[in-house]
């Protein structure tokens, strides 16, 4: 089974830039899209998802903001939305969609960004702690589960091109990185890092400023995390940088499982 997570930075813009060609070429069984920033009825007339895919949309209440969508050509059932946080009990920001694909649980997640203000960073910090508690149920399960998406945190210095210059930047703050370490310590496994080892990169997001994209000066903030049962099925993982240069400011992360 092939699972792909991809922050599209707006599905309508991604569609105009050739997203559909990447969907066809990557040929995945499950797609987990973040930051779709649209309602289904806002898509261009005549557009439809790739043939054979079932689609579940979870848009934000605020138009043009956030939102996730999961596509599957494997039988899919929706299991829930949100993480039961008091910050947003109905998940009006459209950040979490939990689906099941056969025996595989997939959590499609777009974690808040704290860069806009102190208040928004505080929101993110509380959200992180609630996610840590909520996600434990998958660690305790003997069924395979993946936590996938844009987590808006570069975990280690290998996950960011310029660590020294970003120590005070949301997404690379010491307490955020420490939180990520605690998350992995509960039993989640970072599949791409398992694949590539202890090396610099690869990155999944690049700023539009300067020459960051051309020079590959990026951040790795998009992840597929696996519980123990899913790790046992892990085959391979890779980032398709081209998708981040053509379609979005994020690249698709592709994971293959033996199931």
C-alpha atoms as a PDB file:
ATOM      1  CA  UNK A   1       0.000   0.000   0.000  1.00  0.00           C
ATOM      2  CA  UNK A   2       1.263   3.459  -0.906  1.00  0.00           C
ATOM      3  CA  UNK A   3       0.363   6.389   1.372  1.00  0.00           C
ATOM      4  CA  UNK A   4       1.197  10.011   0.551  1.00  0.00           C
ATOM      5  CA  UNK A   5       0.937  13.119   2.700  1.00  0.00           C
ATOM      6  CA  UNK A   6       1.115  16.534   1.034  1.00  0.00           C
ATOM      7  CA  UNK A   7       0.419  20.097   2.128  1.00  0.00           C
ATOM      8  CA  UNK A   8      -0.994  21.638  -1.055  1.00  0.00           C
ATOM      9  CA  UNK A   9      -0.925  25.294   0.014  1.00  0.00           C
ATOM     10  CA  UNK A  10      -4.375  25.616  -1.560  1.00  0.00           C
ATOM     11  CA  UNK A  11      -5.900  22.829  -3.643  1.00  0.00           C
ATOM     12  CA  UNK A  12      -7.291  25.183  -6.285  1.00  0.00           C
ATOM     13  CA  UNK A  13      -3.859  26.703  -6.940  1.00  0.00           C
ATOM     14  CA  UNK A  14      -2.277  23.238  -6.805  1.00  0.00           C
ATOM     15  CA  UNK A  15      -4.750  22.011  -9.417  1.00  0.00           C
ATOM     16  CA  UNK A  16      -3.802  24.880 -11.748  1.00  0.00           C
ATOM     17  CA  UNK A  17      -0.104  24.049 -11.275  1.00  0.00           C
ATOM     18  CA  UNK A  18      -0.401  20.392 -12.279  1.00  0.00           C
ATOM     19  CA  UNK A  19      -1.294  18.548  -9.087  1.00  0.00           C
ATOM     20  CA  UNK A  20      -3.402  16.035 -11.027  1.00  0.00           C
ATOM     21  CA  UNK A  21      -0.382  14.875 -13.036  1.00  0.00           C
ATOM     22  CA  UNK A  22       1.522  14.158  -9.813  1.00  0.00           C
ATOM     23  CA  UNK A  23      -1.456  12.240  -8.406  1.00  0.00           C
ATOM     24  CA  UNK A  24      -1.515  10.049 -11.515  1.00  0.00           C
ATOM     25  CA  UNK A  25       2.257   9.510 -11.623  1.00  0.00           C
ATOM     26  CA  UNK A  26       2.750   8.784  -7.906  1.00  0.00           C
ATOM     27  CA  UNK A  27      -0.104   6.261  -8.071  1.00  0.00           C
ATOM     28  CA  UNK A  28      -0.919   6.094  -4.349  1.00  0.00           C
ATOM     29  CA  UNK A  29      -3.643   4.155  -2.575  1.00  0.00           C
ATOM     30  CA  UNK A  30      -4.220   6.811   0.100  1.00  0.00           C
ATOM     31  CA  UNK A  31      -3.671  10.568  -0.154  1.00  0.00           C
ATOM     32  CA  UNK A  32      -3.663  12.835   2.881  1.00  0.00           C
ATOM     33  CA  UNK A  33      -3.812  16.481   1.858  1.00  0.00           C
ATOM     34  CA  UNK A  34      -3.418  19.450   4.193  1.00  0.00           C
ATOM     35  CA  UNK A  35      -4.115  23.163   3.817  1.00  0.00           C
ATOM     36  CA  UNK A  36      -6.643  22.560   1.053  1.00  0.00           C
ATOM     37  CA  UNK A  37      -8.222  25.986   1.779  1.00  0.00           C
ATOM     38  CA  UNK A  38     -11.364  25.258  -0.222  1.00  0.00           C
ATOM     39  CA  UNK A  39     -14.783  23.652  -0.214  1.00  0.00           C
ATOM     40  CA  UNK A  40     -15.586  20.953  -2.782  1.00  0.00           C
ATOM     41  CA  UNK A  41     -18.032  23.267  -4.552  1.00  0.00           C
ATOM     42  CA  UNK A  42     -15.270  25.849  -5.025  1.00  0.00           C
ATOM     43  CA  UNK A  43     -13.294  23.568  -7.301  1.00  0.00           C
ATOM     44  CA  UNK A  44     -13.327  24.361 -11.042  1.00  0.00           C
ATOM     45  CA  UNK A  45     -16.352  23.231 -13.026  1.00  0.00           C
ATOM     46  CA  UNK A  46     -15.854  19.704 -14.324  1.00  0.00           C
ATOM     47  CA  UNK A  47     -13.033  18.882 -11.894  1.00  0.00           C
ATOM     48  CA  UNK A  48     -13.114  15.610 -10.015  1.00  0.00           C
ATOM     49  CA  UNK A  49     -10.670  13.653  -7.919  1.00  0.00           C
ATOM     50  CA  UNK A  50      -8.563  10.969  -9.559  1.00  0.00           C
ATOM     51  CA  UNK A  51     -10.731   8.143 -10.946  1.00  0.00           C
ATOM     52  CA  UNK A  52     -11.488   5.380  -8.478  1.00  0.00           C
ATOM     53  CA  UNK A  53     -10.840   7.481  -5.359  1.00  0.00           C
ATOM     54  CA  UNK A  54     -13.294   8.063  -2.566  1.00  0.00           C
ATOM     55  CA  UNK A  55     -12.892  11.564  -1.121  1.00  0.00           C
ATOM     56  CA  UNK A  56     -13.635  12.983   2.334  1.00  0.00           C
ATOM     57  CA  UNK A  57     -13.307  16.726   2.842  1.00  0.00           C
ATOM     58  CA  UNK A  58     -12.853  18.382   6.230  1.00  0.00           C
ATOM     59  CA  UNK A  59     -12.675  22.110   5.468  1.00  0.00           C
ATOM     60  CA  UNK A  60     -12.256  24.863   8.014  1.00  0.00           C
ATOM     61  CA  UNK A  61     -15.272  26.946   8.943  1.00  0.00           C
ATOM     62  CA  UNK A  62     -13.356  30.026   7.805  1.00  0.00           C
ATOM     63  CA  UNK A  63     -13.259  30.091   4.006  1.00  0.00           C
ATOM     64  CA  UNK A  64      -9.851  30.020   2.373  1.00  0.00           C
ATOM     65  CA  UNK A  65      -8.165  28.754   5.535  1.00  0.00           C
ATOM     66  CA  UNK A  66      -6.608  25.475   6.666  1.00  0.00           C
ATOM     67  CA  UNK A  67      -8.639  22.296   6.001  1.00  0.00           C
ATOM     68  CA  UNK A  68      -7.691  18.709   5.173  1.00  0.00           C
ATOM     69  CA  UNK A  69      -8.926  16.116   2.707  1.00  0.00           C
ATOM     70  CA  UNK A  70      -8.284  12.375   2.430  1.00  0.00           C
ATOM     71  CA  UNK A  71      -8.586  10.418  -0.822  1.00  0.00           C
ATOM     72  CA  UNK A  72      -8.539   6.643  -1.042  1.00  0.00           C
ATOM     73  CA  UNK A  73      -8.921   3.936  -3.638  1.00  0.00           C
ATOM     74  CA  UNK A  74      -9.043   1.438  -0.779  1.00  0.00           C
ATOM     75  CA  UNK A  75     -12.371   1.153   1.028  1.00  0.00           C
ATOM     76  CA  UNK A  76     -12.402   4.081   3.486  1.00  0.00           C
ATOM     77  CA  UNK A  77     -14.476   4.811   6.570  1.00  0.00           C
ATOM     78  CA  UNK A  78     -14.389   8.027   8.542  1.00  0.00           C
ATOM     79  CA  UNK A  79     -13.524   7.525  12.218  1.00  0.00           C
ATOM     80  CA  UNK A  80     -13.616  11.070  13.523  1.00  0.00           C
ATOM     81  CA  UNK A  81     -12.532  14.700  13.289  1.00  0.00           C
ATOM     82  CA  UNK A  82     -10.424  16.736  15.675  1.00  0.00           C
ATOM     83  CA  UNK A  83      -8.491  15.652  18.755  1.00  0.00           C
ATOM     84  CA  UNK A  84     -11.051  16.351  21.494  1.00  0.00           C
ATOM     85  CA  UNK A  85      -9.275  19.543  22.495  1.00  0.00           C
ATOM     86  CA  UNK A  86     -11.181  22.211  24.419  1.00  0.00           C
ATOM     87  CA  UNK A  87      -9.432  24.789  22.237  1.00  0.00           C
ATOM     88  CA  UNK A  88     -11.549  23.738  19.250  1.00  0.00           C
ATOM     89  CA  UNK A  89     -13.875  20.882  20.275  1.00  0.00           C
ATOM     90  CA  UNK A  90     -15.629  20.771  16.892  1.00  0.00           C
ATOM     91  CA  UNK A  91     -12.358  21.190  14.959  1.00  0.00           C
ATOM     92  CA  UNK A  92     -13.695  24.258  13.167  1.00  0.00           C
ATOM     93  CA  UNK A  93     -10.192  24.943  11.856  1.00  0.00           C
ATOM     94  CA  UNK A  94     -10.313  21.660   9.904  1.00  0.00           C
ATOM     95  CA  UNK A  95      -7.079  20.222  11.270  1.00  0.00           C
ATOM     96  CA  UNK A  96      -7.602  16.501  11.881  1.00  0.00           C
ATOM     97  CA  UNK A  97      -9.388  13.793   9.900  1.00  0.00           C
ATOM     98  CA  UNK A  98      -9.141  10.175  11.099  1.00  0.00           C
ATOM     99  CA  UNK A  99      -9.976   7.494   8.530  1.00  0.00           C
ATOM    100  CA  UNK A 100      -9.625   3.731   8.295  1.00  0.00           C
ATOM    101  CA  UNK A 101      -8.460   1.875   5.171  1.00  0.00           C
ATOM    102  CA  UNK A 102      -8.884  -1.839   5.679  1.00  0.00           C
ATOM    103  CA  UNK A 103      -6.789  -2.550   8.791  1.00  0.00           C
ATOM    104  CA  UNK A 104      -4.842   0.720   8.557  1.00  0.00           C
ATOM    105  CA  UNK A 105      -5.755   3.820  10.590  1.00  0.00           C
ATOM    106  CA  UNK A 106      -4.635   7.105   9.036  1.00  0.00           C
ATOM    107  CA  UNK A 107      -4.702  10.400  10.881  1.00  0.00           C
ATOM    108  CA  UNK A 108      -4.503  13.338   8.477  1.00  0.00           C
ATOM    109  CA  UNK A 109      -3.227  16.299  10.477  1.00  0.00           C
ATOM    110  CA  UNK A 110      -2.403  19.949   9.871  1.00  0.00           C
ATOM    111  CA  UNK A 111      -0.839  21.184  13.078  1.00  0.00           C
ATOM    112  CA  UNK A 112      -1.263  24.892  13.955  1.00  0.00           C
ATOM    113  CA  UNK A 113       1.458  27.390  13.113  1.00  0.00           C
ATOM    114  CA  UNK A 114       2.550  29.619  15.982  1.00  0.00           C
ATOM    115  CA  UNK A 115       4.383  32.246  13.975  1.00  0.00           C
ATOM    116  CA  UNK A 116       1.629  34.832  13.680  1.00  0.00           C
ATOM    117  CA  UNK A 117       1.545  36.006  17.311  1.00  0.00           C
ATOM    118  CA  UNK A 118       2.335  35.131  20.908  1.00  0.00           C
ATOM    119  CA  UNK A 119      -1.289  34.131  21.367  1.00  0.00           C
ATOM    120  CA  UNK A 120      -1.141  31.809  18.406  1.00  0.00           C
ATOM    121  CA  UNK A 121       2.049  30.182  19.729  1.00  0.00           C
ATOM    122  CA  UNK A 122       0.318  29.614  23.044  1.00  0.00           C
ATOM    123  CA  UNK A 123      -2.585  28.030  21.155  1.00  0.00           C
ATOM    124  CA  UNK A 124      -0.151  25.756  19.322  1.00  0.00           C
ATOM    125  CA  UNK A 125       1.617  24.758  22.543  1.00  0.00           C
ATOM    126  CA  UNK A 126      -1.636  23.728  24.221  1.00  0.00           C
ATOM    127  CA  UNK A 127      -2.735  21.923  21.071  1.00  0.00           C
ATOM    128  CA  UNK A 128       0.512  19.919  21.089  1.00  0.00           C
ATOM    129  CA  UNK A 129      -0.073  18.665  24.604  1.00  0.00           C
ATOM    130  CA  UNK A 130      -3.638  17.665  23.754  1.00  0.00           C
ATOM    131  CA  UNK A 131      -2.391  15.808  20.665  1.00  0.00           C
ATOM    132  CA  UNK A 132       0.161  13.921  22.752  1.00  0.00           C
ATOM    133  CA  UNK A 133      -2.618  12.575  24.964  1.00  0.00           C
ATOM    134  CA  UNK A 134      -5.110  11.932  22.144  1.00  0.00           C
ATOM    135  CA  UNK A 135      -2.636  10.012  19.960  1.00  0.00           C
ATOM    136  CA  UNK A 136      -1.728   7.550  22.723  1.00  0.00           C
ATOM    137  CA  UNK A 137      -4.696   5.334  21.834  1.00  0.00           C
ATOM    138  CA  UNK A 138      -2.964   4.351  18.592  1.00  0.00           C
ATOM    139  CA  UNK A 139       0.243   3.429  20.408  1.00  0.00           C
ATOM    140  CA  UNK A 140      -1.731   1.152  22.703  1.00  0.00           C
ATOM    141  CA  UNK A 141      -3.384  -0.575  19.707  1.00  0.00           C
ATOM    142  CA  UNK A 142      -2.085  -3.693  17.961  1.00  0.00           C
ATOM    143  CA  UNK A 143      -3.579  -2.426  14.676  1.00  0.00           C
ATOM    144  CA  UNK A 144      -1.339  -0.437  12.271  1.00  0.00           C
ATOM    145  CA  UNK A 145      -1.756   3.341  12.470  1.00  0.00           C
ATOM    146  CA  UNK A 146      -0.090   6.312  10.783  1.00  0.00           C
ATOM    147  CA  UNK A 147      -0.005   9.909  11.979  1.00  0.00           C
ATOM    148  CA  UNK A 148       0.580  11.910   8.808  1.00  0.00           C
ATOM    149  CA  UNK A 149       0.817  15.513   7.765  1.00  0.00           C
ATOM    150  CA  UNK A 150       2.286  18.946   8.236  1.00  0.00           C
ATOM    151  CA  UNK A 151       3.324  19.068  11.883  1.00  0.00           C
ATOM    152  CA  UNK A 152       4.912  22.528  11.580  1.00  0.00           C
ATOM    153  CA  UNK A 153       7.974  21.475  13.604  1.00  0.00           C
ATOM    154  CA  UNK A 154      11.489  20.633  12.444  1.00  0.00           C
ATOM    155  CA  UNK A 155      12.522  18.091  15.052  1.00  0.00           C
ATOM    156  CA  UNK A 156      16.328  18.128  14.957  1.00  0.00           C
ATOM    157  CA  UNK A 157      19.127  20.192  13.433  1.00  0.00           C
ATOM    158  CA  UNK A 158      19.186  17.690  10.575  1.00  0.00           C
ATOM    159  CA  UNK A 159      15.622  18.729   9.732  1.00  0.00           C
ATOM    160  CA  UNK A 160      16.428  22.365   8.986  1.00  0.00           C
ATOM    161  CA  UNK A 161      19.030  23.957   6.744  1.00  0.00           C
ATOM    162  CA  UNK A 162      19.869  26.832   9.100  1.00  0.00           C
ATOM    163  CA  UNK A 163      19.357  25.732  12.712  1.00  0.00           C
ATOM    164  CA  UNK A 164      21.445  28.484  14.312  1.00  0.00           C
ATOM    165  CA  UNK A 165      19.460  31.220  12.613  1.00  0.00           C
ATOM    166  CA  UNK A 166      16.062  29.781  13.548  1.00  0.00           C
ATOM    167  CA  UNK A 167      16.320  28.935  17.233  1.00  0.00           C
ATOM    168  CA  UNK A 168      13.788  31.658  18.045  1.00  0.00           C
ATOM    169  CA  UNK A 169      11.499  30.844  15.134  1.00  0.00           C
ATOM    170  CA  UNK A 170       8.187  29.058  15.672  1.00  0.00           C
ATOM    171  CA  UNK A 171       8.578  25.553  14.364  1.00  0.00           C
ATOM    172  CA  UNK A 172      12.116  25.216  15.718  1.00  0.00           C
ATOM    173  CA  UNK A 173      11.718  26.498  19.263  1.00  0.00           C
ATOM    174  CA  UNK A 174      13.473  24.371  21.907  1.00  0.00           C
ATOM    175  CA  UNK A 175      10.248  23.423  23.682  1.00  0.00           C
ATOM    176  CA  UNK A 176       8.601  22.407  20.385  1.00  0.00           C
ATOM    177  CA  UNK A 177      11.527  20.145  19.534  1.00  0.00           C
ATOM    178  CA  UNK A 178      11.457  18.678  23.040  1.00  0.00           C
ATOM    179  CA  UNK A 179       7.735  17.991  22.593  1.00  0.00           C
ATOM    180  CA  UNK A 180       8.506  16.098  19.379  1.00  0.00           C
ATOM    181  CA  UNK A 181      11.068  13.995  21.209  1.00  0.00           C
ATOM    182  CA  UNK A 182       8.432  13.176  23.836  1.00  0.00           C
ATOM    183  CA  UNK A 183       5.944  12.252  21.104  1.00  0.00           C
ATOM    184  CA  UNK A 184       8.378   9.764  19.573  1.00  0.00           C
ATOM    185  CA  UNK A 185       9.201   8.407  23.030  1.00  0.00           C
ATOM    186  CA  UNK A 186       5.574   7.347  23.468  1.00  0.00           C
ATOM    187  CA  UNK A 187       6.048   4.889  20.607  1.00  0.00           C
ATOM    188  CA  UNK A 188       5.685   6.742  17.318  1.00  0.00           C
ATOM    189  CA  UNK A 189       8.344   6.076  14.652  1.00  0.00           C
ATOM    190  CA  UNK A 190       9.561   8.649  12.115  1.00  0.00           C
ATOM    191  CA  UNK A 191       9.569   6.552   8.936  1.00  0.00           C
ATOM    192  CA  UNK A 192      11.521   8.890   6.670  1.00  0.00           C
ATOM    193  CA  UNK A 193      14.290   9.284   9.257  1.00  0.00           C
ATOM    194  CA  UNK A 194      14.419   5.490   9.574  1.00  0.00           C
ATOM    195  CA  UNK A 195      14.807   5.329   5.782  1.00  0.00           C
ATOM    196  CA  UNK A 196      17.530   7.966   5.299  1.00  0.00           C
ATOM    197  CA  UNK A 197      19.381   7.753   8.617  1.00  0.00           C
ATOM    198  CA  UNK A 198      21.146  10.479  10.576  1.00  0.00           C
ATOM    199  CA  UNK A 199      21.848  12.883   7.697  1.00  0.00           C
ATOM    200  CA  UNK A 200      21.109  16.504   6.855  1.00  0.00           C
ATOM    201  CA  UNK A 201      17.673  16.678   5.239  1.00  0.00           C
ATOM    202  CA  UNK A 202      15.861  15.815   3.122  1.00  0.00           C
ATOM    203  CA  UNK A 203      13.540  18.814   3.384  1.00  0.00           C
ATOM    204  CA  UNK A 204       9.824  18.997   2.664  1.00  0.00           C
ATOM    205  CA  UNK A 205       9.130  22.757   2.780  1.00  0.00           C
ATOM    206  CA  UNK A 206      10.914  25.802   1.407  1.00  0.00           C
ATOM    207  CA  UNK A 207      10.305  29.485   1.946  1.00  0.00           C
ATOM    208  CA  UNK A 208       9.420  31.530  -1.124  1.00  0.00           C
ATOM    209  CA  UNK A 209      11.920  34.135   0.020  1.00  0.00           C
ATOM    210  CA  UNK A 210      15.291  34.550  -1.588  1.00  0.00           C
ATOM    211  CA  UNK A 211      16.792  31.464  -3.198  1.00  0.00           C
ATOM    212  CA  UNK A 212      15.586  28.959  -0.577  1.00  0.00           C
ATOM    213  CA  UNK A 213      13.769  26.694  -3.022  1.00  0.00           C
ATOM    214  CA  UNK A 214      16.421  26.738  -5.731  1.00  0.00           C
ATOM    215  CA  UNK A 215      19.272  26.225  -3.248  1.00  0.00           C
ATOM    216  CA  UNK A 216      17.355  23.588  -1.248  1.00  0.00           C
ATOM    217  CA  UNK A 217      17.533  25.572   1.984  1.00  0.00           C
ATOM    218  CA  UNK A 218      14.458  24.116   3.611  1.00  0.00           C
ATOM    219  CA  UNK A 219      12.771  22.552   6.599  1.00  0.00           C
ATOM    220  CA  UNK A 220      11.441  19.044   7.145  1.00  0.00           C
ATOM    221  CA  UNK A 221       8.065  19.627   8.770  1.00  0.00           C
ATOM    222  CA  UNK A 222       5.970  16.980   6.987  1.00  0.00           C
ATOM    223  CA  UNK A 223       5.968  13.502   8.529  1.00  0.00           C
ATOM    224  CA  UNK A 224       4.563  10.014   8.462  1.00  0.00           C
ATOM    225  CA  UNK A 225       4.791   8.595  11.977  1.00  0.00           C
ATOM    226  CA  UNK A 226       3.977   4.923  12.532  1.00  0.00           C
ATOM    227  CA  UNK A 227       2.956   2.975  15.600  1.00  0.00           C
ATOM    228  CA  UNK A 228       4.723  -0.331  16.233  1.00  0.00           C
ATOM    229  CA  UNK A 229       2.300  -2.394  14.147  1.00  0.00           C
ATOM    230  CA  UNK A 230       2.678  -0.061  11.141  1.00  0.00           C
ATOM    231  CA  UNK A 231       6.455   0.091  11.516  1.00  0.00           C
ATOM    232  CA  UNK A 232       6.544  -3.699  11.129  1.00  0.00           C
ATOM    233  CA  UNK A 233       4.941  -3.214   7.681  1.00  0.00           C
ATOM    234  CA  UNK A 234       7.262  -0.390   6.586  1.00  0.00           C
ATOM    235  CA  UNK A 235       8.944  -0.837   3.214  1.00  0.00           C
ATOM    236  CA  UNK A 236      10.272   2.548   2.047  1.00  0.00           C
ATOM    237  CA  UNK A 237       9.853   6.322   2.269  1.00  0.00           C
ATOM    238  CA  UNK A 238      10.929   9.291   0.159  1.00  0.00           C
ATOM    239  CA  UNK A 239      10.256  12.983  -0.433  1.00  0.00           C
ATOM    240  CA  UNK A 240       9.532  13.991  -4.017  1.00  0.00           C
ATOM    241  CA  UNK A 241      11.181  17.402  -4.097  1.00  0.00           C
ATOM    242  CA  UNK A 242       9.882  18.182  -7.584  1.00  0.00           C
ATOM    243  CA  UNK A 243       6.326  18.363  -6.248  1.00  0.00           C
ATOM    244  CA  UNK A 244       7.400  21.093  -3.855  1.00  0.00           C
ATOM    245  CA  UNK A 245       8.968  23.098  -6.648  1.00  0.00           C
ATOM    246  CA  UNK A 246       6.101  22.839  -9.141  1.00  0.00           C
ATOM    247  CA  UNK A 247       2.799  22.468  -7.288  1.00  0.00           C
ATOM    248  CA  UNK A 248       3.191  23.692  -3.698  1.00  0.00           C
ATOM    249  CA  UNK A 249       5.771  25.075  -1.293  1.00  0.00           C
ATOM    250  CA  UNK A 250       5.685  21.609   0.310  1.00  0.00           C
ATOM    251  CA  UNK A 251       6.799  18.357  -1.317  1.00  0.00           C
ATOM    252  CA  UNK A 252       4.826  15.096  -1.147  1.00  0.00           C
ATOM    253  CA  UNK A 253       6.117  12.476   1.286  1.00  0.00           C
ATOM    254  CA  UNK A 254       5.611   8.970  -0.099  1.00  0.00           C
ATOM    255  CA  UNK A 255       5.551   5.867   2.099  1.00  0.00           C
ATOM    256  CA  UNK A 256       5.163   2.260   0.975  1.00  0.00           C
ATOM    257  CA  UNK A 257       3.879  -0.451   3.308  1.00  0.00           C
ATOM    258  CA  UNK A 258       3.826  -4.219   2.875  1.00  0.00           C
ATOM    259  CA  UNK A 259       0.054  -4.572   3.072  1.00  0.00           C
END
